[in-house]
């Protein structure tokens, strides 16, 4: 079979990326093509054998199995820069696939996924291999169409000749990129032996996989290629659920354009002698700068970004952004700029999730429960946001006795000189070295914590108190709002000011109902055993049934009716007792 790579219209300027690829590495290409055939076969055989025997993962030195947020980001960005994304034929021989790509260098990681066709991500051991691969790529020639010659690492893998082959495979093993339906999740949880197992299973089923995270960083890297054509020293970073450890398969891709570290910025004014300055256009405000840059990049993505559809430039929002859909990955993407506080918030959530595994387990469970019952929504409105709900979980864990995680002020006290961070006048300093944080011993199970979470917020004094994870304790409300959750880095802001009375009342009612349901179903009384038929939902599975929402009022009325009957009976017995005494 003869293989060739066709390059579609891409997300990088030709003078920023392509010329470097075409000129610098010609000698490398020749030498790679002269590598001994037997050596290449050994490389491919080793890759196939290792992928079949054990899951592929990077071998990195980890201290206590935990890495700092910045270390993880640097590692992931490096993986993305050494990777390519390509659309593949529906039927492809995996061994021949690896043989072809190994001609350009050692393959460190690869995986397939389906998204309106078969796609593959290939990570090489070094960036020179990517450059060699791009030099071998060609611009497609299509009759009656004229491709835009902007090249990137988004490719199409094509082949000529007969598709019939004795070794041809009907399809590749594809990694899931979306969550399973809620009814399948409920059935899976119903088969577990305890609520602890149910919570663990839910997180394992819904959390971002390693492959999905790699794909997210790769999409971010592809977008950086187009921005770097005009801002060569810029960086584009991921923030939010994609990298804070609480992301669910299918969540949006939030990105941040960082121009702060470009060279040429002087902190001190020149006092004497000659010096040079760049001639730049100026606008009146920093917001105007952000709007102009995002407007321009949005136009570039719309005109030249392969696979980028539905580009919207939402520039008059409180935080200006460009929104688009990346068709090859299936990600809904948001690009913002000058959003540095969001990066620190992401790092803080990541740190809390790394401190104790129960943090992420509980956050995943509560967020899934909230989404099933429409407490949260992907559409803007009066709903509680995922960020607010996560902060509420963190606050609850800080209020345990002893606390499971420390308050933000304690993390600030542990910070070193390199951790100091002041953004827009707000002190965002906290320790980044996880080894400096000593936790108190708390042995509560996930079963206990889930039940206590619902009970905690079903009786919380929302009308008077504010939630504050910086202090780790509730405080008097500084303003008349229905739900007040202080911004971790700016105590004057309420991150939940959008929540109205009806939504808060509904959240409290659901917490009360969930507390009652967990009390009724502590054990699975109708287990069918491993491999058996579907079990009757119990425990956490019961909480995730959407039909339970409609039953909240009936349960409340039923309990109120029972209480009323008991009260009437008590009054009648007292009356009868007094009448007997009189007689």
Protein backbone atom coordinates (compact mmCIF):
# COMPACT_ATOMS: atom_id res chain seq x y z
CA UNK A 1 0.00 0.00 0.00
CA UNK A 2 1.30 3.44 -0.89
CA UNK A 3 0.70 6.08 1.80
CA UNK A 4 0.78 9.84 1.54
CA UNK A 5 -0.30 12.66 3.80
CA UNK A 6 -2.57 15.37 2.54
CA UNK A 7 -2.55 18.62 4.43
CA UNK A 8 -5.80 20.55 4.64
CA UNK A 9 -6.06 24.28 5.17
CA UNK A 10 -4.39 24.85 8.50
CA UNK A 11 -4.02 27.06 11.56
CA UNK A 12 -0.56 28.56 11.13
CA UNK A 13 0.97 31.25 8.98
CA UNK A 14 3.28 30.01 6.23
CA UNK A 15 6.07 32.41 7.15
CA UNK A 16 5.78 31.57 10.88
CA UNK A 17 5.84 27.80 10.64
CA UNK A 18 6.11 26.36 7.19
CA UNK A 19 9.32 27.97 5.93
CA UNK A 20 11.16 26.82 9.02
CA UNK A 21 9.92 23.31 8.39
CA UNK A 22 10.80 23.33 4.70
CA UNK A 23 14.32 24.74 4.92
CA UNK A 24 15.98 23.80 8.18
CA UNK A 25 15.45 20.04 8.34
CA UNK A 26 16.21 18.83 4.81
CA UNK A 27 19.30 16.98 5.95
CA UNK A 28 17.39 15.32 8.79
CA UNK A 29 14.77 14.01 6.38
CA UNK A 30 17.40 12.38 4.19
CA UNK A 31 19.12 10.73 7.13
CA UNK A 32 15.84 9.44 8.52
CA UNK A 33 14.96 7.88 5.20
CA UNK A 34 18.27 6.03 5.23
CA UNK A 35 17.63 4.34 8.58
CA UNK A 36 18.05 0.59 8.33
CA UNK A 37 14.79 -1.20 7.49
CA UNK A 38 15.28 -3.83 10.14
CA UNK A 39 15.75 -1.17 12.79
CA UNK A 40 12.48 0.45 11.78
CA UNK A 41 10.72 -2.88 12.00
CA UNK A 42 12.10 -3.40 15.48
CA UNK A 43 10.84 0.02 16.52
CA UNK A 44 7.36 -0.70 15.21
CA UNK A 45 7.29 -4.16 16.75
CA UNK A 46 8.27 -2.74 20.14
CA UNK A 47 5.60 -0.03 19.93
CA UNK A 48 2.88 -2.52 19.00
CA UNK A 49 3.97 -5.00 21.66
CA UNK A 50 4.09 -2.41 24.41
CA UNK A 51 0.71 -0.97 23.45
CA UNK A 52 -0.87 -4.42 23.50
CA UNK A 53 0.59 -5.53 26.82
CA UNK A 54 0.36 -2.44 29.01
CA UNK A 55 -1.42 0.93 28.90
CA UNK A 56 0.76 3.62 27.35
CA UNK A 57 1.86 6.41 29.69
CA UNK A 58 4.77 8.71 30.14
CA UNK A 59 7.52 7.64 32.53
CA UNK A 60 8.21 10.74 34.60
CA UNK A 61 9.73 11.22 38.00
CA UNK A 62 6.97 12.06 40.46
CA UNK A 63 7.40 13.07 44.06
CA UNK A 64 4.88 11.23 46.24
CA UNK A 65 2.87 10.60 43.05
CA UNK A 66 1.85 14.27 42.91
CA UNK A 67 2.99 17.12 40.68
CA UNK A 68 2.54 20.85 40.96
CA UNK A 69 0.05 22.50 38.64
CA UNK A 70 2.75 24.30 36.65
CA UNK A 71 4.77 21.08 36.22
CA UNK A 72 1.74 19.27 34.81
CA UNK A 73 1.00 22.12 32.39
CA UNK A 74 4.59 22.21 31.09
CA UNK A 75 4.57 18.44 30.57
CA UNK A 76 1.23 18.48 28.75
CA UNK A 77 2.25 21.42 26.55
CA UNK A 78 5.41 19.58 25.55
CA UNK A 79 3.38 16.53 24.59
CA UNK A 80 1.08 18.68 22.46
CA UNK A 81 3.95 20.36 20.60
CA UNK A 82 5.34 16.94 19.62
CA UNK A 83 1.95 15.69 18.40
CA UNK A 84 -0.11 15.74 15.23
CA UNK A 85 -3.84 15.21 14.72
CA UNK A 86 -5.11 13.52 11.59
CA UNK A 87 -8.25 12.26 9.94
CA UNK A 88 -7.75 8.62 8.88
CA UNK A 89 -9.45 6.28 6.43
CA UNK A 90 -12.23 4.19 8.02
CA UNK A 91 -10.17 1.02 7.60
CA UNK A 92 -6.47 1.07 8.34
CA UNK A 93 -3.84 -1.49 9.23
CA UNK A 94 -2.36 -0.42 12.54
CA UNK A 95 1.05 -2.00 11.92
CA UNK A 96 1.43 -0.26 8.56
CA UNK A 97 0.22 2.96 10.17
CA UNK A 98 3.04 2.77 12.73
CA UNK A 99 5.59 1.75 10.11
CA UNK A 100 4.79 4.83 8.06
CA UNK A 101 4.99 7.32 10.90
CA UNK A 102 8.05 5.76 12.53
CA UNK A 103 10.03 6.73 9.41
CA UNK A 104 10.05 10.26 10.81
CA UNK A 105 11.13 9.32 14.33
CA UNK A 106 10.29 7.39 17.47
CA UNK A 107 6.61 7.31 18.36
CA UNK A 108 6.04 7.91 22.04
CA UNK A 109 2.24 7.68 22.16
CA UNK A 110 -0.67 7.23 19.78
CA UNK A 111 -4.40 6.57 20.02
CA UNK A 112 -7.51 6.53 17.81
CA UNK A 113 -10.94 8.02 18.42
CA UNK A 114 -14.15 8.45 16.45
CA UNK A 115 -15.67 11.83 15.67
CA UNK A 116 -17.71 11.74 12.44
CA UNK A 117 -14.94 9.51 11.14
CA UNK A 118 -11.73 7.97 12.42
CA UNK A 119 -9.07 10.26 13.91
CA UNK A 120 -5.63 9.57 15.34
CA UNK A 121 -3.26 11.49 17.61
CA UNK A 122 0.42 10.64 17.25
CA UNK A 123 3.02 11.97 19.70
CA UNK A 124 6.66 11.74 18.68
CA UNK A 125 9.63 11.62 21.03
CA UNK A 126 10.94 14.96 19.71
CA UNK A 127 9.72 17.98 17.73
CA UNK A 128 12.14 17.35 14.85
CA UNK A 129 10.04 14.32 13.93
CA UNK A 130 6.97 16.55 13.58
CA UNK A 131 8.91 18.90 11.28
CA UNK A 132 10.06 15.93 9.20
CA UNK A 133 6.48 14.70 8.90
CA UNK A 134 5.22 18.13 7.81
CA UNK A 135 7.93 18.37 5.15
CA UNK A 136 6.60 15.14 3.64
CA UNK A 137 3.03 16.46 3.56
CA UNK A 138 1.48 17.96 0.41
CA UNK A 139 -1.26 20.47 -0.30
CA UNK A 140 -4.36 18.73 -1.71
CA UNK A 141 -5.35 19.27 -5.30
CA UNK A 142 -9.10 19.26 -5.78
CA UNK A 143 -10.88 20.17 -8.99
CA UNK A 144 -13.05 23.31 -8.90
CA UNK A 145 -11.72 24.22 -5.42
CA UNK A 146 -8.84 26.40 -4.30
CA UNK A 147 -7.36 25.50 -0.88
CA UNK A 148 -6.02 28.22 1.40
CA UNK A 149 -2.30 27.37 1.83
CA UNK A 150 -2.15 27.80 5.60
CA UNK A 151 -0.46 24.75 7.09
CA UNK A 152 -0.73 23.16 10.53
CA UNK A 153 -0.47 19.88 12.39
CA UNK A 154 -4.06 18.98 11.50
CA UNK A 155 -3.67 16.50 8.63
CA UNK A 156 -5.51 13.95 6.53
CA UNK A 157 -4.02 10.49 6.04
CA UNK A 158 -4.82 9.06 2.61
CA UNK A 159 -3.84 5.96 0.67
CA UNK A 160 -4.00 4.71 -2.91
CA UNK A 161 -4.38 1.26 -4.34
CA UNK A 162 -6.55 -1.66 -3.39
CA UNK A 163 -8.02 -1.64 0.10
CA UNK A 164 -8.25 -5.40 0.15
CA UNK A 165 -5.59 -6.94 2.35
CA UNK A 166 -5.45 -10.14 4.41
CA UNK A 167 -4.20 -8.12 7.37
CA UNK A 168 -6.64 -5.24 6.89
CA UNK A 169 -8.55 -4.51 10.08
CA UNK A 170 -12.22 -3.51 10.05
CA UNK A 171 -11.68 -0.82 12.67
CA UNK A 172 -9.39 0.46 15.39
CA UNK A 173 -9.91 0.34 19.11
CA UNK A 174 -11.12 3.87 19.80
CA UNK A 175 -10.91 5.74 23.08
CA UNK A 176 -14.20 7.23 24.40
CA UNK A 177 -14.41 11.02 24.22
CA UNK A 178 -17.92 11.45 25.66
CA UNK A 179 -19.78 10.19 28.72
CA UNK A 180 -22.16 7.24 28.72
CA UNK A 181 -25.94 7.92 28.94
CA UNK A 182 -27.31 8.49 32.44
CA UNK A 183 -29.47 5.32 32.32
CA UNK A 184 -26.35 3.21 31.68
CA UNK A 185 -24.56 4.96 34.54
CA UNK A 186 -27.47 4.27 36.91
CA UNK A 187 -27.48 0.58 35.94
CA UNK A 188 -23.71 0.37 36.48
CA UNK A 189 -23.92 2.02 39.90
CA UNK A 190 -26.83 -0.17 40.96
CA UNK A 191 -24.60 -3.25 40.70
CA UNK A 192 -22.04 -1.93 43.21
CA UNK A 193 -21.79 -3.27 46.74
CA UNK A 194 -21.55 0.05 48.62
CA UNK A 195 -22.08 3.78 48.16
CA UNK A 196 -18.31 4.26 48.38
CA UNK A 197 -17.92 1.98 45.35
CA UNK A 198 -20.70 3.85 43.55
CA UNK A 199 -19.00 7.23 44.05
CA UNK A 200 -15.68 5.82 42.88
CA UNK A 201 -17.27 4.21 39.82
CA UNK A 202 -19.03 7.45 38.87
CA UNK A 203 -15.78 9.39 38.89
CA UNK A 204 -13.90 6.72 36.95
CA UNK A 205 -16.67 6.67 34.34
CA UNK A 206 -17.06 10.44 33.88
CA UNK A 207 -13.61 11.95 34.45
CA UNK A 208 -11.37 13.06 31.60
CA UNK A 209 -9.13 10.30 30.33
CA UNK A 210 -5.43 10.77 29.69
CA UNK A 211 -6.06 10.60 25.93
CA UNK A 212 -8.82 13.20 26.12
CA UNK A 213 -6.55 15.56 28.06
CA UNK A 214 -3.81 15.10 25.45
CA UNK A 215 -6.32 15.95 22.72
CA UNK A 216 -7.36 19.10 24.58
CA UNK A 217 -3.79 20.33 24.87
CA UNK A 218 -3.21 19.53 21.21
CA UNK A 219 -6.21 21.63 20.12
CA UNK A 220 -4.88 24.47 22.29
CA UNK A 221 -1.46 24.08 20.65
CA UNK A 222 -3.00 24.22 17.17
CA UNK A 223 -4.72 27.48 18.07
CA UNK A 224 -1.46 28.85 19.42
CA UNK A 225 0.10 28.21 15.99
CA UNK A 226 -2.24 30.69 14.34
CA UNK A 227 -1.83 33.29 17.10
CA UNK A 228 1.97 32.97 16.98
CA UNK A 229 1.99 34.10 13.34
CA UNK A 230 1.16 37.60 14.60
CA UNK A 231 2.27 37.41 18.23
CA UNK A 232 5.33 35.08 18.09
CA UNK A 233 6.02 35.12 21.83
CA UNK A 234 2.45 34.56 22.98
CA UNK A 235 1.23 31.51 24.84
CA UNK A 236 -2.24 29.99 24.98
CA UNK A 237 -3.03 28.15 28.18
CA UNK A 238 -5.91 25.95 29.22
CA UNK A 239 -7.88 26.76 32.35
CA UNK A 240 -11.06 25.57 34.01
CA UNK A 241 -12.38 22.01 34.02
CA UNK A 242 -9.98 20.78 31.33
CA UNK A 243 -7.01 21.09 33.71
CA UNK A 244 -8.25 21.57 37.29
CA UNK A 245 -8.89 17.86 37.78
CA UNK A 246 -12.70 18.13 37.93
CA UNK A 247 -13.40 17.97 34.20
CA UNK A 248 -16.00 15.59 32.79
CA UNK A 249 -15.79 14.00 29.36
CA UNK A 250 -17.43 16.41 26.93
CA UNK A 251 -16.82 19.58 28.96
CA UNK A 252 -15.99 22.83 27.16
CA UNK A 253 -12.43 23.84 26.31
CA UNK A 254 -11.50 27.14 27.99
CA UNK A 255 -8.34 28.86 26.73
CA UNK A 256 -6.48 32.00 27.74
CA UNK A 257 -4.27 34.10 25.43
CA UNK A 258 -1.29 35.32 27.47
CA UNK A 259 0.75 38.22 26.06
CA UNK A 260 2.29 39.33 29.36
CA UNK A 261 5.60 37.54 28.87
CA UNK A 262 6.54 38.95 25.48
CA UNK A 263 9.99 40.56 25.49
CA UNK A 264 10.56 44.31 25.35
CA UNK A 265 8.53 45.32 28.40
CA UNK A 266 10.64 47.64 30.60
CA UNK A 267 9.79 48.07 34.26
CA UNK A 268 12.01 51.15 34.64
CA UNK A 269 11.99 54.24 32.47
CA UNK A 270 15.19 55.04 30.57
CA UNK A 271 16.93 58.04 32.20
CA UNK A 272 19.75 58.78 29.76
CA UNK A 273 21.37 57.58 26.55
CA UNK A 274 19.81 56.26 23.38
CA UNK A 275 17.35 53.39 23.22
CA UNK A 276 14.79 51.97 20.83
CA UNK A 277 11.04 51.55 21.16
CA UNK A 278 8.60 49.67 18.97
CA UNK A 279 6.16 51.79 16.98
CA UNK A 280 2.77 50.57 18.11
CA UNK A 281 -0.84 51.63 17.73
CA UNK A 282 -2.56 52.56 20.98
CA UNK A 283 -6.11 52.51 22.33
CA UNK A 284 -7.64 54.11 25.40
CA UNK A 285 -8.15 51.07 27.68
CA UNK A 286 -6.75 47.59 28.29
CA UNK A 287 -10.23 46.20 27.57
CA UNK A 288 -10.10 47.81 24.13
CA UNK A 289 -6.74 46.11 23.50
CA UNK A 290 -8.24 42.75 24.45
CA UNK A 291 -11.28 43.30 22.24
CA UNK A 292 -9.19 44.26 19.22
CA UNK A 293 -6.82 41.29 19.55
CA UNK A 294 -9.63 38.78 20.06
CA UNK A 295 -11.61 40.25 17.17
CA UNK A 296 -8.64 39.83 14.85
CA UNK A 297 -7.83 36.29 16.03
CA UNK A 298 -11.48 35.34 15.75
CA UNK A 299 -11.46 36.44 12.12
CA UNK A 300 -8.28 34.41 11.44
CA UNK A 301 -9.77 31.30 13.03
CA UNK A 302 -12.97 31.77 11.03
CA UNK A 303 -11.19 32.29 7.71
CA UNK A 304 -8.22 29.93 7.98
CA UNK A 305 -8.72 27.51 10.89
CA UNK A 306 -9.44 24.01 9.54
CA UNK A 307 -12.27 22.31 11.38
CA UNK A 308 -13.23 25.51 13.26
CA UNK A 309 -16.94 26.20 12.75
CA UNK A 310 -19.52 28.60 14.12
CA UNK A 311 -17.04 31.29 15.19
CA UNK A 312 -18.65 33.94 17.42
CA UNK A 313 -16.88 37.09 18.61
CA UNK A 314 -18.55 37.94 21.93
CA UNK A 315 -16.55 41.09 22.62
CA UNK A 316 -18.98 43.11 24.75
CA UNK A 317 -19.31 40.48 27.47
CA UNK A 318 -17.86 41.16 30.92
CA UNK A 319 -14.98 38.94 29.84
CA UNK A 320 -14.60 39.29 26.03
CA UNK A 321 -14.17 35.98 24.24
CA UNK A 322 -14.14 34.17 20.91
CA UNK A 323 -16.27 31.03 20.82
CA UNK A 324 -16.11 28.32 18.17
CA UNK A 325 -16.65 24.61 17.66
CA UNK A 326 -13.64 22.45 16.81
CA UNK A 327 -15.17 19.75 14.63
CA UNK A 328 -12.27 17.21 14.57
CA UNK A 329 -12.21 16.98 18.38
CA UNK A 330 -15.84 17.79 19.16
CA UNK A 331 -14.87 20.49 21.67
CA UNK A 332 -16.78 23.71 22.22
CA UNK A 333 -13.95 26.24 22.60
CA UNK A 334 -13.79 29.62 24.36
CA UNK A 335 -10.75 31.87 23.91
CA UNK A 336 -10.28 34.80 26.30
CA UNK A 337 -7.39 37.16 27.08
CA UNK A 338 -6.13 38.98 30.19
CA UNK A 339 -7.99 36.48 32.35
CA UNK A 340 -5.18 35.78 34.79
CA UNK A 341 -7.37 35.36 37.88
CA UNK A 342 -9.08 32.41 36.18
CA UNK A 343 -5.71 30.70 35.85
CA UNK A 344 -5.06 31.09 39.59
CA UNK A 345 -8.54 29.80 40.42
CA UNK A 346 -7.86 26.77 38.23
CA UNK A 347 -4.56 26.14 39.99
CA UNK A 348 -6.24 26.43 43.41
CA UNK A 349 -8.90 23.85 42.53
CA UNK A 350 -6.22 21.54 41.14
CA UNK A 351 -4.25 21.82 44.37
CA UNK A 352 -7.27 21.00 46.54
CA UNK A 353 -8.07 18.00 44.33
CA UNK A 354 -4.52 16.69 44.70
CA UNK A 355 -4.50 16.96 48.51
CA UNK A 356 -7.06 14.22 49.18
CA UNK A 357 -8.74 11.83 46.68
CA UNK A 358 -12.08 12.28 48.41
CA UNK A 359 -12.18 15.90 47.19
CA UNK A 360 -12.47 14.98 43.52
CA UNK A 361 -14.77 12.02 44.23
CA UNK A 362 -17.24 14.22 46.08
CA UNK A 363 -17.05 17.08 43.57
CA UNK A 364 -17.71 14.71 40.66
CA UNK A 365 -20.66 13.16 42.44
CA UNK A 366 -22.29 16.43 43.49
CA UNK A 367 -21.77 18.01 40.07
CA UNK A 368 -23.27 14.99 38.31
CA UNK A 369 -26.22 15.02 40.72
CA UNK A 370 -26.71 18.75 40.13
CA UNK A 371 -26.62 18.43 36.34
CA UNK A 372 -29.14 15.55 36.31
CA UNK A 373 -31.59 17.66 38.32
CA UNK A 374 -30.93 20.87 36.31
CA UNK A 375 -29.40 22.74 39.25
CA UNK A 376 -26.53 23.63 36.92
CA UNK A 377 -26.71 24.32 33.20
CA UNK A 378 -24.40 25.06 30.29
CA UNK A 379 -26.66 27.99 29.41
CA UNK A 380 -26.18 31.28 31.26
CA UNK A 381 -28.95 32.13 33.68
CA UNK A 382 -29.98 32.03 37.34
CA UNK A 383 -28.54 28.56 37.90
CA UNK A 384 -25.68 27.69 40.24
CA UNK A 385 -22.47 27.39 38.21
CA UNK A 386 -20.11 24.43 38.39
CA UNK A 387 -17.46 26.71 39.91
CA UNK A 388 -19.83 27.88 42.66
CA UNK A 389 -20.91 24.30 43.37
CA UNK A 390 -17.28 23.16 43.56
CA UNK A 391 -16.50 25.93 46.05
CA UNK A 392 -19.48 24.81 48.13
CA UNK A 393 -18.04 21.27 48.26
CA UNK A 394 -14.63 22.62 49.26
CA UNK A 395 -16.21 24.73 52.00
CA UNK A 396 -18.10 21.71 53.33
CA UNK A 397 -14.84 19.71 53.49
CA UNK A 398 -13.16 22.58 55.34
CA UNK A 399 -15.97 22.49 57.92
CA UNK A 400 -15.48 18.81 58.81
CA UNK A 401 -14.09 17.93 62.23
CA UNK A 402 -11.19 17.61 61.70
CA UNK A 403 -11.03 19.50 58.36
CA UNK A 404 -10.20 17.41 55.29
CA UNK A 405 -8.62 20.34 53.44
CA UNK A 406 -7.17 23.62 54.78
CA UNK A 407 -8.54 27.10 54.20
CA UNK A 408 -6.95 29.39 51.61
CA UNK A 409 -5.40 31.66 54.26
CA UNK A 410 -3.44 28.68 55.59
CA UNK A 411 -2.19 27.91 52.07
CA UNK A 412 -1.09 31.54 51.80
CA UNK A 413 0.87 31.28 55.06
CA UNK A 414 2.78 28.30 53.63
CA UNK A 415 3.71 30.12 50.41
CA UNK A 416 7.32 30.91 49.52
CA UNK A 417 8.78 33.91 47.67
CA UNK A 418 8.25 32.31 44.25
CA UNK A 419 4.56 31.75 45.02
CA UNK A 420 3.80 35.45 45.45
CA UNK A 421 1.11 36.58 43.02
CA UNK A 422 -0.79 39.87 42.89
CA UNK A 423 -3.29 40.24 40.04
CA UNK A 424 -5.17 43.49 39.48
CA UNK A 425 -4.52 44.49 43.08
CA UNK A 426 -5.77 41.19 44.53
CA UNK A 427 -3.48 38.93 46.54
CA UNK A 428 -3.64 35.52 44.82
CA UNK A 429 -0.73 34.01 46.72
CA UNK A 430 -0.83 30.41 47.93
CA UNK A 431 1.66 27.57 48.20
CA UNK A 432 2.28 25.50 45.07
CA UNK A 433 4.54 22.82 46.63
CA UNK A 434 2.15 20.08 47.77
CA UNK A 435 4.78 18.53 50.08
CA UNK A 436 4.60 21.60 52.36
CA UNK A 437 0.93 21.00 53.20
CA UNK A 438 0.31 18.78 56.23
CA UNK A 439 -3.26 17.49 56.51
CA UNK A 440 -5.14 16.55 59.66
CA UNK A 441 -6.28 12.96 60.00
CA UNK A 442 -9.89 12.54 58.93
CA UNK A 443 -11.17 9.01 58.22
CA UNK A 444 -14.73 9.73 57.05
CA UNK A 445 -15.88 7.55 54.16
CA UNK A 446 -17.33 8.80 50.88
CA UNK A 447 -20.69 7.37 52.01
CA UNK A 448 -20.59 9.51 55.15
CA UNK A 449 -19.39 12.61 53.34
CA UNK A 450 -22.08 12.42 50.65
CA UNK A 451 -24.83 12.08 53.22
CA UNK A 452 -23.37 14.83 55.39
CA UNK A 453 -22.99 17.18 52.40
CA UNK A 454 -26.70 17.08 51.63
CA UNK A 455 -27.61 17.41 55.31
CA UNK A 456 -25.15 20.32 55.74
CA UNK A 457 -26.68 22.42 52.97
CA UNK A 458 -30.28 21.40 53.65
CA UNK A 459 -29.98 23.29 56.97
CA UNK A 460 -27.45 25.99 56.03
CA UNK A 461 -28.48 29.56 56.94
CA UNK A 462 -28.31 30.96 53.41
CA UNK A 463 -30.46 33.93 54.41
CA UNK A 464 -27.83 35.21 56.85
CA UNK A 465 -24.46 33.62 56.12
CA UNK A 466 -21.85 33.79 53.38
CA UNK A 467 -19.59 30.93 52.23
CA UNK A 468 -15.88 31.78 52.43
CA UNK A 469 -13.17 29.21 51.63
CA UNK A 470 -10.44 31.75 52.38
CA UNK A 471 -11.36 31.68 56.08
CA UNK A 472 -12.90 28.22 56.05
CA UNK A 473 -15.98 29.36 57.92
CA UNK A 474 -19.28 31.07 57.25
CA UNK A 475 -19.54 34.83 57.74
CA UNK A 476 -22.35 37.35 57.87
CA UNK A 477 -23.60 38.35 54.46
CA UNK A 478 -22.11 41.65 53.29
CA UNK A 479 -24.94 42.15 50.78
CA UNK A 480 -28.57 41.23 50.25
CA UNK A 481 -28.31 38.35 47.81
CA UNK A 482 -29.95 34.96 47.88
CA UNK A 483 -26.73 32.93 47.69
CA UNK A 484 -23.45 34.57 48.67
CA UNK A 485 -20.16 32.80 47.95
CA UNK A 486 -17.12 35.02 48.31
CA UNK A 487 -14.64 35.07 45.46
CA UNK A 488 -11.50 33.34 46.81
CA UNK A 489 -9.23 36.16 45.58
CA UNK A 490 -11.52 39.19 45.87
CA UNK A 491 -13.74 39.14 48.94
CA UNK A 492 -15.79 42.06 47.57
CA UNK A 493 -17.18 39.87 44.79
CA UNK A 494 -19.93 37.26 44.98
CA UNK A 495 -19.42 34.44 42.47
CA UNK A 496 -23.05 33.36 42.86
CA UNK A 497 -24.86 36.69 42.57
CA UNK A 498 -26.79 35.40 39.54
CA UNK A 499 -28.66 32.76 41.60
CA UNK A 500 -32.26 33.75 42.36
CA UNK A 501 -34.52 32.72 45.24
CA UNK A 502 -36.33 29.99 43.29
CA UNK A 503 -33.12 28.23 42.28
CA UNK A 504 -31.70 28.36 45.81
CA UNK A 505 -34.95 27.01 47.28
CA UNK A 506 -34.89 24.22 44.73
CA UNK A 507 -31.28 23.35 45.63
CA UNK A 508 -32.15 23.18 49.34
CA UNK A 509 -35.25 21.06 48.63
CA UNK A 510 -33.17 18.63 46.59
CA UNK A 511 -30.58 18.41 49.38
CA UNK A 512 -33.34 17.59 51.85
CA UNK A 513 -34.81 14.99 49.52
CA UNK A 514 -31.40 13.42 48.84
CA UNK A 515 -30.71 13.18 52.58
CA UNK A 516 -33.99 11.33 53.03
CA UNK A 517 -33.35 9.00 50.08
CA UNK A 518 -29.88 8.05 51.33
CA UNK A 519 -31.31 7.23 54.73
CA UNK A 520 -33.85 4.91 53.08
CA UNK A 521 -31.33 3.06 50.89
CA UNK A 522 -28.15 2.44 52.85
CA UNK A 523 -27.62 -1.03 51.35
CA UNK A 524 -28.49 -2.66 48.06
CA UNK A 525 -31.37 -4.98 48.93
CA UNK A 526 -31.87 -6.19 45.37
CA UNK A 527 -28.38 -6.97 44.08
CA UNK A 528 -28.31 -9.29 41.14
CA UNK A 529 -24.63 -10.21 41.48
CA UNK A 530 -21.85 -9.84 38.95
CA UNK A 531 -22.95 -10.29 35.39
CA UNK A 532 -26.60 -10.49 36.41
CA UNK A 533 -29.58 -8.55 35.12
CA UNK A 534 -30.11 -4.91 35.86
CA UNK A 535 -30.49 -4.16 39.56
CA UNK A 536 -33.06 -1.91 41.15
CA UNK A 537 -31.46 1.53 41.67
CA UNK A 538 -30.27 2.14 45.21
CA UNK A 539 -27.99 4.55 47.06
CA UNK A 540 -26.33 7.04 44.73
CA UNK A 541 -28.09 5.50 41.73
CA UNK A 542 -31.41 6.53 43.27
CA UNK A 543 -30.25 10.15 43.58
CA UNK A 544 -29.40 10.30 39.88
CA UNK A 545 -32.87 9.37 38.65
CA UNK A 546 -34.39 12.49 37.06
CA UNK A 547 -37.90 11.28 37.94
CA UNK A 548 -37.12 11.91 41.60
CA UNK A 549 -37.30 15.65 40.93
CA UNK A 550 -41.01 15.42 40.24
CA UNK A 551 -41.48 13.49 43.46
CA UNK A 552 -39.88 16.09 45.74
CA UNK A 553 -43.10 17.95 46.46
CA UNK A 554 -45.06 14.72 46.92
CA UNK A 555 -42.46 13.44 49.39
CA UNK A 556 -42.55 16.74 51.27
CA UNK A 557 -46.35 16.67 51.36
CA UNK A 558 -46.32 13.03 52.45
CA UNK A 559 -43.87 13.73 55.26
CA UNK A 560 -45.78 16.85 56.24
CA UNK A 561 -48.99 14.84 56.22
CA UNK A 562 -47.48 12.11 58.39
CA UNK A 563 -46.18 14.71 60.83
CA UNK A 564 -49.57 16.37 60.89
CA UNK A 565 -51.30 13.06 61.60
CA UNK A 566 -48.84 12.30 64.40
CA UNK A 567 -49.45 15.75 65.88
CA UNK A 568 -53.24 15.31 65.69
CA UNK A 569 -52.93 11.91 67.36
CA UNK A 570 -50.81 13.38 70.16
CA UNK A 571 -53.33 16.18 70.73
CA UNK A 572 -56.21 13.71 70.79
CA UNK A 573 -54.39 11.48 73.29
CA UNK A 574 -53.70 14.48 75.53
CA UNK A 575 -57.34 15.50 75.37
CA UNK A 576 -58.50 11.98 76.19
CA UNK A 577 -56.03 11.81 79.06
CA UNK A 578 -57.26 15.08 80.56
CA UNK A 579 -60.90 14.00 80.21
CA UNK A 580 -60.16 10.74 82.04
CA UNK A 581 -58.55 12.66 84.88
CA UNK A 582 -61.55 14.97 85.15
CA UNK A 583 -63.95 12.03 85.22
